[in-house]
Amino acid sequence: MKDVLVLGGAGVDSTVYVPELPLPYRDTYHVPPVVDRIGNTGAGVTLGCAALGLDVAFADLIGDDPQGALVRDALRGVDCAWSHAEAGTRRSVLLVGPDGRRTSLFDPKATPGERLPRHLYTGVRARHAHVSITDFCRHVYPDLAGTPTSTDLHDWDGVNPYHEDFAHRSDLVFLSATALPDPPATMRAILARGRAHTVVCTRGADGCLVLTRDGDLRAFPAAPLPGPVADTNGAGDAFVSGFLYGTLRGLPVDTCARLGAIAGAHACTTPGTHESPITEATLLERSRT
């Protein structure tokens, strides 16, 4: 029995540290070394949960290309199942400013009609399944019947229909307030239209909002940064990993929110996206202060 089954969402991030954001037009900028790293949301949740001592399985489509080789190598310590992505491995170019904020240029490498093959995941017994919002994963929910599920809608605007299958078919829904004109209204709509019992909306330095079916909307603060901001990439995935750790330990939602905040704060102080996720020992130590 695995603790977490993560479906979809591995790729490669090419991180470019730029002098400011938005970046004014200029023919050429000289920048620090551009580095290709493991990236994208599914890989982040997988590596984050594994660093916290959870037993994780991961299934995804990646390409037979150098980026796919990088993904396989970065996840070599995890129980992974792969199938071929016809268009190649997903990629992001991340422009990161001096304050750690980023702009992501995402190439989903999408192929219409592509699906995650059932044999990659139906034989995995897990206490929880986290479904990335890759298009080829929207069809997995019937196969997960009886398994608690979560998803991260990221910067959903609350209107785009692409996200609705994930928003309305998951038990635990994460999303960011970045593009939401009215986060509480969107959170209430997710509960009203779907099966979720809990919706968590992250707000960066302003912490997060949590809404459950049996409770009122609650706000929780961000955790103090354990050092200077290096790079905010991966902070949202780290938050999800910390929150899931608490959930699978049977902890109350306020504790889960605190653990997520601590994990997210840690990610902001480490360069790159998913190379140095917080460990269980560090998470628990910081949660006691």
C-alpha atoms as a PDB file:
ATOM      1  CA  MET A   1       0.000   0.000   0.000  1.00  0.00           C
ATOM      2  CA  LYS A   2       1.555   3.295  -1.122  1.00  0.00           C
ATOM      3  CA  ASP A   3       0.881   6.487   0.780  1.00  0.00           C
ATOM      4  CA  VAL A   4       0.493   8.651  -2.332  1.00  0.00           C
ATOM      5  CA  LEU A   5      -0.005   7.952  -6.019  1.00  0.00           C
ATOM      6  CA  VAL A   6       0.821  10.998  -8.175  1.00  0.00           C
ATOM      7  CA  LEU A   7      -0.467  11.040 -11.749  1.00  0.00           C
ATOM      8  CA  GLY A   8       1.046  13.259 -14.447  1.00  0.00           C
ATOM      9  CA  GLY A   9       3.006  16.463 -14.346  1.00  0.00           C
ATOM     10  CA  ALA A  10       6.750  15.888 -14.731  1.00  0.00           C
ATOM     11  CA  GLY A  11       8.854  18.085 -16.965  1.00  0.00           C
ATOM     12  CA  VAL A  12      11.995  20.156 -17.247  1.00  0.00           C
ATOM     13  CA  ASP A  13      12.449  23.735 -16.073  1.00  0.00           C
ATOM     14  CA  SER A  14      15.025  25.969 -17.729  1.00  0.00           C
ATOM     15  CA  THR A  15      15.664  28.658 -15.126  1.00  0.00           C
ATOM     16  CA  VAL A  16      16.866  32.073 -16.262  1.00  0.00           C
ATOM     17  CA  TYR A  17      17.730  34.636 -13.573  1.00  0.00           C
ATOM     18  CA  VAL A  18      16.928  38.087 -14.976  1.00  0.00           C
ATOM     19  CA  PRO A  19      17.653  41.587 -13.596  1.00  0.00           C
ATOM     20  CA  GLU A  20      13.990  42.544 -13.259  1.00  0.00           C
ATOM     21  CA  LEU A  21      10.406  41.482 -14.000  1.00  0.00           C
ATOM     22  CA  PRO A  22       8.713  42.322 -16.229  1.00  0.00           C
ATOM     23  CA  LEU A  23      11.752  42.228 -18.464  1.00  0.00           C
ATOM     24  CA  PRO A  24      11.997  45.339 -20.675  1.00  0.00           C
ATOM     25  CA  TYR A  25      12.772  44.733 -24.326  1.00  0.00           C
ATOM     26  CA  ARG A  26      16.443  44.597 -25.209  1.00  0.00           C
ATOM     27  CA  ASP A  27      18.197  42.676 -27.945  1.00  0.00           C
ATOM     28  CA  THR A  28      20.527  40.832 -25.530  1.00  0.00           C
ATOM     29  CA  TYR A  29      20.762  40.273 -21.787  1.00  0.00           C
ATOM     30  CA  HIS A  30      23.769  38.673 -20.141  1.00  0.00           C
ATOM     31  CA  VAL A  31      22.505  36.364 -17.411  1.00  0.00           C
ATOM     32  CA  PRO A  32      23.922  33.840 -14.922  1.00  0.00           C
ATOM     33  CA  PRO A  33      24.189  30.226 -16.125  1.00  0.00           C
ATOM     34  CA  VAL A  34      20.910  28.856 -17.471  1.00  0.00           C
ATOM     35  CA  VAL A  35      20.224  25.521 -15.789  1.00  0.00           C
ATOM     36  CA  ASP A  36      17.879  22.698 -16.814  1.00  0.00           C
ATOM     37  CA  ARG A  37      16.280  21.058 -13.776  1.00  0.00           C
ATOM     38  CA  ILE A  38      13.483  18.667 -12.900  1.00  0.00           C
ATOM     39  CA  GLY A  39      10.274  20.667 -12.834  1.00  0.00           C
ATOM     40  CA  ASN A  40       6.506  20.819 -13.201  1.00  0.00           C
ATOM     41  CA  THR A  41       3.891  20.125 -10.579  1.00  0.00           C
ATOM     42  CA  GLY A  42       3.623  16.328 -10.476  1.00  0.00           C
ATOM     43  CA  ALA A  43       7.357  15.934 -10.030  1.00  0.00           C
ATOM     44  CA  GLY A  44       7.288  18.569  -7.293  1.00  0.00           C
ATOM     45  CA  VAL A  45       4.574  16.848  -5.281  1.00  0.00           C
ATOM     46  CA  THR A  46       6.262  13.473  -5.794  1.00  0.00           C
ATOM     47  CA  LEU A  47       9.689  14.624  -4.622  1.00  0.00           C
ATOM     48  CA  GLY A  48       8.206  16.744  -1.836  1.00  0.00           C
ATOM     49  CA  CYS A  49       6.164  13.867  -0.418  1.00  0.00           C
ATOM     50  CA  ALA A  50       9.088  11.442  -0.741  1.00  0.00           C
ATOM     51  CA  ALA A  51      11.381  13.842   1.162  1.00  0.00           C
ATOM     52  CA  LEU A  52       8.775  13.874   3.943  1.00  0.00           C
ATOM     53  CA  GLY A  53       9.009  10.121   4.321  1.00  0.00           C
ATOM     54  CA  LEU A  54       5.855   9.201   2.429  1.00  0.00           C
ATOM     55  CA  ASP A  55       5.916   6.133   0.164  1.00  0.00           C
ATOM     56  CA  VAL A  56       5.141   7.539  -3.288  1.00  0.00           C
ATOM     57  CA  ALA A  57       4.349   6.068  -6.696  1.00  0.00           C
ATOM     58  CA  PHE A  58       4.340   8.201  -9.833  1.00  0.00           C
ATOM     59  CA  ALA A  59       2.947   7.606 -13.326  1.00  0.00           C
ATOM     60  CA  ASP A  60       3.337   9.914 -16.310  1.00  0.00           C
ATOM     61  CA  LEU A  61       3.954  10.364 -20.018  1.00  0.00           C
ATOM     62  CA  ILE A  62       7.362  11.699 -21.021  1.00  0.00           C
ATOM     63  CA  GLY A  63       9.318  11.858 -24.232  1.00  0.00           C
ATOM     64  CA  ASP A  64      12.213   9.806 -25.541  1.00  0.00           C
ATOM     65  CA  ASP A  65      14.375  12.913 -25.527  1.00  0.00           C
ATOM     66  CA  PRO A  66      17.128  14.454 -23.378  1.00  0.00           C
ATOM     67  CA  GLN A  67      14.525  16.130 -21.178  1.00  0.00           C
ATOM     68  CA  GLY A  68      12.845  12.780 -20.559  1.00  0.00           C
ATOM     69  CA  ALA A  69      16.200  11.315 -19.561  1.00  0.00           C
ATOM     70  CA  LEU A  70      16.681  14.175 -17.080  1.00  0.00           C
ATOM     71  CA  VAL A  71      13.246  13.475 -15.557  1.00  0.00           C
ATOM     72  CA  ARG A  72      13.936   9.747 -15.232  1.00  0.00           C
ATOM     73  CA  ASP A  73      17.267  10.415 -13.579  1.00  0.00           C
ATOM     74  CA  ALA A  74      15.862  12.961 -11.109  1.00  0.00           C
ATOM     75  CA  LEU A  75      13.102  10.540 -10.060  1.00  0.00           C
ATOM     76  CA  ARG A  76      15.223   7.394 -10.002  1.00  0.00           C
ATOM     77  CA  GLY A  77      14.640   6.902  -6.260  1.00  0.00           C
ATOM     78  CA  VAL A  78      10.850   6.847  -6.683  1.00  0.00           C
ATOM     79  CA  ASP A  79       8.610   3.996  -7.860  1.00  0.00           C
ATOM     80  CA  CYS A  80       7.804   5.356 -11.340  1.00  0.00           C
ATOM     81  CA  ALA A  81       5.853   4.041 -14.320  1.00  0.00           C
ATOM     82  CA  TRP A  82       6.369   5.738 -17.682  1.00  0.00           C
ATOM     83  CA  SER A  83       4.751   5.715 -21.078  1.00  0.00           C
ATOM     84  CA  HIS A  84       5.682   7.568 -24.255  1.00  0.00           C
ATOM     85  CA  ALA A  85       4.563  11.169 -24.805  1.00  0.00           C
ATOM     86  CA  GLU A  86       4.286  11.577 -28.541  1.00  0.00           C
ATOM     87  CA  ALA A  87       5.113  15.303 -28.553  1.00  0.00           C
ATOM     88  CA  GLY A  88       8.011  14.958 -26.100  1.00  0.00           C
ATOM     89  CA  THR A  89       8.649  15.968 -22.516  1.00  0.00           C
ATOM     90  CA  ARG A  90       6.915  19.033 -21.131  1.00  0.00           C
ATOM     91  CA  ARG A  91       9.105  22.096 -20.667  1.00  0.00           C
ATOM     92  CA  SER A  92       9.006  25.446 -18.913  1.00  0.00           C
ATOM     93  CA  VAL A  93      11.273  28.463 -19.245  1.00  0.00           C
ATOM     94  CA  LEU A  94      11.261  30.267 -15.900  1.00  0.00           C
ATOM     95  CA  LEU A  95      12.274  33.914 -15.719  1.00  0.00           C
ATOM     96  CA  VAL A  96      13.191  34.640 -12.095  1.00  0.00           C
ATOM     97  CA  GLY A  97      13.701  38.188 -10.795  1.00  0.00           C
ATOM     98  CA  PRO A  98      15.994  39.333  -7.968  1.00  0.00           C
ATOM     99  CA  ASP A  99      13.128  39.105  -5.450  1.00  0.00           C
ATOM    100  CA  GLY A 100      12.453  35.456  -6.350  1.00  0.00           C
ATOM    101  CA  ARG A 101       9.248  36.108  -8.288  1.00  0.00           C
ATOM    102  CA  ARG A 102       8.920  34.227 -11.531  1.00  0.00           C
ATOM    103  CA  THR A 103       7.212  34.255 -14.908  1.00  0.00           C
ATOM    104  CA  SER A 104       6.705  30.784 -16.367  1.00  0.00           C
ATOM    105  CA  LEU A 105       6.611  30.103 -20.111  1.00  0.00           C
ATOM    106  CA  PHE A 106       5.047  26.633 -20.246  1.00  0.00           C
ATOM    107  CA  ASP A 107       5.111  24.285 -23.240  1.00  0.00           C
ATOM    108  CA  PRO A 108       2.675  21.440 -22.397  1.00  0.00           C
ATOM    109  CA  LYS A 109       3.684  19.304 -25.400  1.00  0.00           C
ATOM    110  CA  ALA A 110       0.047  18.318 -25.654  1.00  0.00           C
ATOM    111  CA  THR A 111      -1.229  15.762 -28.166  1.00  0.00           C
ATOM    112  CA  PRO A 112      -5.025  15.809 -28.683  1.00  0.00           C
ATOM    113  CA  GLY A 113      -6.685  12.616 -27.511  1.00  0.00           C
ATOM    114  CA  GLU A 114      -3.658  11.364 -25.583  1.00  0.00           C
ATOM    115  CA  ARG A 115      -4.457   9.556 -22.329  1.00  0.00           C
ATOM    116  CA  LEU A 116      -2.508   8.182 -19.420  1.00  0.00           C
ATOM    117  CA  PRO A 117      -2.552   4.387 -19.991  1.00  0.00           C
ATOM    118  CA  ARG A 118      -4.550   2.590 -17.303  1.00  0.00           C
ATOM    119  CA  HIS A 119      -1.956  -0.127 -16.797  1.00  0.00           C
ATOM    120  CA  LEU A 120       0.458   2.477 -15.385  1.00  0.00           C
ATOM    121  CA  TYR A 121      -1.634   3.104 -12.275  1.00  0.00           C
ATOM    122  CA  THR A 122      -4.602   0.770 -11.821  1.00  0.00           C
ATOM    123  CA  GLY A 123      -2.422  -1.862 -10.179  1.00  0.00           C
ATOM    124  CA  VAL A 124      -1.182   0.586  -7.536  1.00  0.00           C
ATOM    125  CA  ARG A 125      -2.957   0.532  -4.178  1.00  0.00           C
ATOM    126  CA  ALA A 126      -2.607   3.885  -2.461  1.00  0.00           C
ATOM    127  CA  ARG A 127      -4.069   5.716   0.486  1.00  0.00           C
ATOM    128  CA  HIS A 128      -4.340   8.899  -1.578  1.00  0.00           C
ATOM    129  CA  ALA A 129      -4.054   9.942  -5.237  1.00  0.00           C
ATOM    130  CA  HIS A 130      -2.941  13.365  -6.435  1.00  0.00           C
ATOM    131  CA  VAL A 131      -3.999  14.175 -10.014  1.00  0.00           C
ATOM    132  CA  SER A 132      -2.092  16.793 -11.988  1.00  0.00           C
ATOM    133  CA  ILE A 133      -4.117  18.967 -14.364  1.00  0.00           C
ATOM    134  CA  THR A 134      -2.523  17.561 -17.516  1.00  0.00           C
ATOM    135  CA  ASP A 135      -5.219  16.932 -20.103  1.00  0.00           C
ATOM    136  CA  PHE A 136      -4.414  13.229 -20.395  1.00  0.00           C
ATOM    137  CA  CYS A 137      -5.167  12.768 -16.665  1.00  0.00           C
ATOM    138  CA  ARG A 138      -8.739  14.050 -16.651  1.00  0.00           C
ATOM    139  CA  HIS A 139     -10.001  10.535 -17.502  1.00  0.00           C
ATOM    140  CA  VAL A 140      -8.447   8.729 -14.509  1.00  0.00           C
ATOM    141  CA  TYR A 141     -11.111   9.501 -11.890  1.00  0.00           C
ATOM    142  CA  PRO A 142     -13.385   6.472 -12.478  1.00  0.00           C
ATOM    143  CA  ASP A 143     -10.383   4.205 -11.919  1.00  0.00           C
ATOM    144  CA  LEU A 144      -9.681   5.936  -8.584  1.00  0.00           C
ATOM    145  CA  ALA A 145     -13.117   5.262  -7.092  1.00  0.00           C
ATOM    146  CA  GLY A 146     -12.745   4.643  -3.368  1.00  0.00           C
ATOM    147  CA  THR A 147      -9.361   6.397  -3.155  1.00  0.00           C
ATOM    148  CA  PRO A 148      -9.291   9.950  -1.751  1.00  0.00           C
ATOM    149  CA  THR A 149      -8.056  12.354  -4.413  1.00  0.00           C
ATOM    150  CA  SER A 150      -6.557  15.822  -4.616  1.00  0.00           C
ATOM    151  CA  THR A 151      -5.581  18.223  -7.375  1.00  0.00           C
ATOM    152  CA  ASP A 152      -3.955  21.626  -7.760  1.00  0.00           C
ATOM    153  CA  LEU A 153      -5.694  24.071 -10.116  1.00  0.00           C
ATOM    154  CA  HIS A 154      -2.753  26.507  -9.868  1.00  0.00           C
ATOM    155  CA  ASP A 155      -3.611  29.964 -11.271  1.00  0.00           C
ATOM    156  CA  TRP A 156      -7.162  29.106 -12.378  1.00  0.00           C
ATOM    157  CA  ASP A 157      -9.344  32.129 -13.036  1.00  0.00           C
ATOM    158  CA  GLY A 158     -12.467  30.343 -11.808  1.00  0.00           C
ATOM    159  CA  VAL A 159     -14.002  30.417 -15.298  1.00  0.00           C
ATOM    160  CA  ASN A 160     -11.851  28.430 -17.738  1.00  0.00           C
ATOM    161  CA  PRO A 161     -13.696  25.117 -18.320  1.00  0.00           C
ATOM    162  CA  TYR A 162     -10.424  23.218 -18.765  1.00  0.00           C
ATOM    163  CA  HIS A 163     -10.048  22.962 -14.985  1.00  0.00           C
ATOM    164  CA  GLU A 164     -13.601  21.954 -14.110  1.00  0.00           C
ATOM    165  CA  ASP A 165     -13.186  18.166 -14.333  1.00  0.00           C
ATOM    166  CA  PHE A 166     -10.354  18.346 -11.822  1.00  0.00           C
ATOM    167  CA  ALA A 167     -12.049  20.938  -9.602  1.00  0.00           C
ATOM    168  CA  HIS A 168     -15.329  19.062  -9.360  1.00  0.00           C
ATOM    169  CA  ARG A 169     -14.072  15.452  -9.167  1.00  0.00           C
ATOM    170  CA  SER A 170     -11.394  15.768  -6.484  1.00  0.00           C
ATOM    171  CA  ASP A 171     -11.935  15.467  -2.728  1.00  0.00           C
ATOM    172  CA  LEU A 172      -9.254  18.006  -1.799  1.00  0.00           C
ATOM    173  CA  VAL A 173      -8.688  20.980  -4.113  1.00  0.00           C
ATOM    174  CA  PHE A 174      -5.752  23.383  -4.052  1.00  0.00           C
ATOM    175  CA  LEU A 175      -5.558  26.581  -6.087  1.00  0.00           C
ATOM    176  CA  SER A 176      -3.817  29.932  -6.095  1.00  0.00           C
ATOM    177  CA  ALA A 177      -5.443  33.324  -5.628  1.00  0.00           C
ATOM    178  CA  THR A 178      -3.228  34.801  -8.361  1.00  0.00           C
ATOM    179  CA  ALA A 179      -5.917  35.054 -11.059  1.00  0.00           C
ATOM    180  CA  LEU A 180      -9.063  35.008  -8.908  1.00  0.00           C
ATOM    181  CA  PRO A 181     -11.106  38.211  -8.561  1.00  0.00           C
ATOM    182  CA  ASP A 182     -13.006  36.710  -5.601  1.00  0.00           C
ATOM    183  CA  PRO A 183     -11.228  33.680  -4.067  1.00  0.00           C
ATOM    184  CA  PRO A 184     -13.908  32.893  -1.432  1.00  0.00           C
ATOM    185  CA  ALA A 185     -16.645  32.851  -4.093  1.00  0.00           C
ATOM    186  CA  THR A 186     -14.651  30.465  -6.281  1.00  0.00           C
ATOM    187  CA  MET A 187     -13.947  28.217  -3.309  1.00  0.00           C
ATOM    188  CA  ARG A 188     -17.634  28.081  -2.403  1.00  0.00           C
ATOM    189  CA  ALA A 189     -18.528  27.296  -6.023  1.00  0.00           C
ATOM    190  CA  ILE A 190     -16.096  24.358  -6.056  1.00  0.00           C
ATOM    191  CA  LEU A 191     -17.784  22.910  -2.963  1.00  0.00           C
ATOM    192  CA  ALA A 192     -21.260  23.535  -4.349  1.00  0.00           C
ATOM    193  CA  ARG A 193     -20.630  21.993  -7.775  1.00  0.00           C
ATOM    194  CA  GLY A 194     -18.251  19.183  -6.957  1.00  0.00           C
ATOM    195  CA  ARG A 195     -17.377  16.485  -4.458  1.00  0.00           C
ATOM    196  CA  ALA A 196     -14.611  18.295  -2.585  1.00  0.00           C
ATOM    197  CA  HIS A 197     -14.726  18.335   1.206  1.00  0.00           C
ATOM    198  CA  THR A 198     -11.907  20.908   1.469  1.00  0.00           C
ATOM    199  CA  VAL A 199     -10.662  23.740  -0.757  1.00  0.00           C
ATOM    200  CA  VAL A 200      -7.338  25.461  -0.047  1.00  0.00           C
ATOM    201  CA  CYS A 201      -6.415  28.737  -1.740  1.00  0.00           C
ATOM    202  CA  THR A 202      -2.798  29.839  -1.386  1.00  0.00           C
ATOM    203  CA  ARG A 203      -1.989  33.563  -1.346  1.00  0.00           C
ATOM    204  CA  GLY A 204       1.814  33.697  -1.251  1.00  0.00           C
ATOM    205  CA  ALA A 205       3.101  35.937   1.527  1.00  0.00           C
ATOM    206  CA  ASP A 206      -0.500  36.427   2.718  1.00  0.00           C
ATOM    207  CA  GLY A 207      -0.836  32.776   3.694  1.00  0.00           C
ATOM    208  CA  CYS A 208      -3.830  30.702   2.630  1.00  0.00           C
ATOM    209  CA  LEU A 209      -7.591  30.386   2.894  1.00  0.00           C
ATOM    210  CA  VAL A 210      -9.255  27.080   3.804  1.00  0.00           C
ATOM    211  CA  LEU A 211     -12.923  26.257   3.335  1.00  0.00           C
ATOM    212  CA  THR A 212     -14.535  22.973   4.353  1.00  0.00           C
ATOM    213  CA  ARG A 213     -18.079  21.695   3.937  1.00  0.00           C
ATOM    214  CA  ASP A 214     -18.642  21.658   7.668  1.00  0.00           C
ATOM    215  CA  GLY A 215     -16.924  24.908   8.591  1.00  0.00           C
ATOM    216  CA  ASP A 216     -16.498  28.591   7.859  1.00  0.00           C
ATOM    217  CA  LEU A 217     -13.827  30.155   5.674  1.00  0.00           C
ATOM    218  CA  ARG A 218     -10.587  30.450   7.654  1.00  0.00           C
ATOM    219  CA  ALA A 219      -7.401  32.361   6.956  1.00  0.00           C
ATOM    220  CA  PHE A 220      -3.986  31.052   7.962  1.00  0.00           C
ATOM    221  CA  PRO A 221      -0.734  33.029   7.889  1.00  0.00           C
ATOM    222  CA  ALA A 222       2.336  32.267   5.836  1.00  0.00           C
ATOM    223  CA  ALA A 223       5.275  30.737   7.682  1.00  0.00           C
ATOM    224  CA  PRO A 224       8.357  32.852   8.351  1.00  0.00           C
ATOM    225  CA  LEU A 225      11.079  32.382   5.757  1.00  0.00           C
ATOM    226  CA  PRO A 226      14.031  30.449   7.175  1.00  0.00           C
ATOM    227  CA  GLY A 227      16.424  32.531   5.058  1.00  0.00           C
ATOM    228  CA  PRO A 228      16.551  35.023   2.198  1.00  0.00           C
ATOM    229  CA  VAL A 229      14.356  34.436  -0.842  1.00  0.00           C
ATOM    230  CA  ALA A 230      16.246  32.630  -3.585  1.00  0.00           C
ATOM    231  CA  ASP A 231      13.557  31.381  -5.940  1.00  0.00           C
ATOM    232  CA  THR A 232       9.791  30.975  -5.473  1.00  0.00           C
ATOM    233  CA  ASN A 233       9.553  28.186  -8.060  1.00  0.00           C
ATOM    234  CA  GLY A 234       8.081  25.040  -6.537  1.00  0.00           C
ATOM    235  CA  ALA A 235       6.641  26.752  -3.467  1.00  0.00           C
ATOM    236  CA  GLY A 236       3.072  25.801  -4.355  1.00  0.00           C
ATOM    237  CA  ASP A 237       3.979  22.145  -4.913  1.00  0.00           C
ATOM    238  CA  ALA A 238       5.901  22.152  -1.630  1.00  0.00           C
ATOM    239  CA  PHE A 239       2.818  23.544   0.132  1.00  0.00           C
ATOM    240  CA  VAL A 240       0.711  20.714  -1.313  1.00  0.00           C
ATOM    241  CA  SER A 241       3.275  18.142  -0.160  1.00  0.00           C
ATOM    242  CA  GLY A 242       3.288  19.503   3.385  1.00  0.00           C
ATOM    243  CA  PHE A 243      -0.502  19.659   3.514  1.00  0.00           C
ATOM    244  CA  LEU A 244      -0.806  16.070   2.225  1.00  0.00           C
ATOM    245  CA  TYR A 245       1.737  14.909   4.792  1.00  0.00           C
ATOM    246  CA  GLY A 246      -0.500  16.275   7.542  1.00  0.00           C
ATOM    247  CA  THR A 247      -3.632  14.853   5.932  1.00  0.00           C
ATOM    248  CA  LEU A 248      -2.160  11.356   5.704  1.00  0.00           C
ATOM    249  CA  ARG A 249      -1.030  11.598   9.318  1.00  0.00           C
ATOM    250  CA  GLY A 250      -4.649  12.319  10.311  1.00  0.00           C
ATOM    251  CA  LEU A 251      -3.846  15.823  11.565  1.00  0.00           C
ATOM    252  CA  PRO A 252      -6.474  18.616  11.764  1.00  0.00           C
ATOM    253  CA  VAL A 253      -6.787  21.012   8.873  1.00  0.00           C
ATOM    254  CA  ASP A 254      -5.195  23.931  10.714  1.00  0.00           C
ATOM    255  CA  THR A 255      -2.086  21.842  11.343  1.00  0.00           C
ATOM    256  CA  CYS A 256      -2.056  20.714   7.713  1.00  0.00           C
ATOM    257  CA  ALA A 257      -2.174  24.362   6.625  1.00  0.00           C
ATOM    258  CA  ARG A 258       0.758  25.194   8.901  1.00  0.00           C
ATOM    259  CA  LEU A 259       2.822  22.272   7.601  1.00  0.00           C
ATOM    260  CA  GLY A 260       2.069  23.331   4.034  1.00  0.00           C
ATOM    261  CA  ALA A 261       3.116  26.895   4.796  1.00  0.00           C
ATOM    262  CA  ILE A 262       6.403  25.759   6.350  1.00  0.00           C
ATOM    263  CA  ALA A 263       7.200  23.563   3.340  1.00  0.00           C
ATOM    264  CA  GLY A 264       6.344  26.389   0.936  1.00  0.00           C
ATOM    265  CA  ALA A 265       8.512  28.863   2.839  1.00  0.00           C
ATOM    266  CA  HIS A 266      11.431  26.440   2.706  1.00  0.00           C
ATOM    267  CA  ALA A 267      11.070  26.146  -1.084  1.00  0.00           C
ATOM    268  CA  CYS A 268      11.324  29.926  -1.468  1.00  0.00           C
ATOM    269  CA  THR A 269      14.791  29.908   0.089  1.00  0.00           C
ATOM    270  CA  THR A 270      16.303  27.188  -2.125  1.00  0.00           C
ATOM    271  CA  PRO A 271      17.459  27.761  -5.723  1.00  0.00           C
ATOM    272  CA  GLY A 272      15.716  25.867  -8.491  1.00  0.00           C
ATOM    273  CA  THR A 273      12.359  24.160  -8.451  1.00  0.00           C
ATOM    274  CA  HIS A 274      12.417  20.765  -6.727  1.00  0.00           C
ATOM    275  CA  GLU A 275      16.058  19.936  -5.946  1.00  0.00           C
ATOM    276  CA  SER A 276      16.014  20.504  -2.173  1.00  0.00           C
ATOM    277  CA  PRO A 277      12.564  19.774  -0.722  1.00  0.00           C
ATOM    278  CA  ILE A 278      12.139  20.039   3.007  1.00  0.00           C
ATOM    279  CA  THR A 279      12.714  16.835   4.969  1.00  0.00           C
ATOM    280  CA  GLU A 280      10.358  15.357   7.543  1.00  0.00           C
ATOM    281  CA  ALA A 281      12.767  16.104  10.386  1.00  0.00           C
ATOM    282  CA  THR A 282      13.113  19.763   9.402  1.00  0.00           C
ATOM    283  CA  LEU A 283       9.386  20.176   8.822  1.00  0.00           C
ATOM    284  CA  LEU A 284       8.537  18.811  12.265  1.00  0.00           C
ATOM    285  CA  GLU A 285      11.281  20.804  13.966  1.00  0.00           C
ATOM    286  CA  ARG A 286      10.079  24.075  12.447  1.00  0.00           C
ATOM    287  CA  SER A 287       6.451  23.219  13.217  1.00  0.00           C
ATOM    288  CA  ARG A 288       7.296  23.151  16.919  1.00  0.00           C
ATOM    289  CA  THR A 289       8.639  26.722  16.967  1.00  0.00           C
END
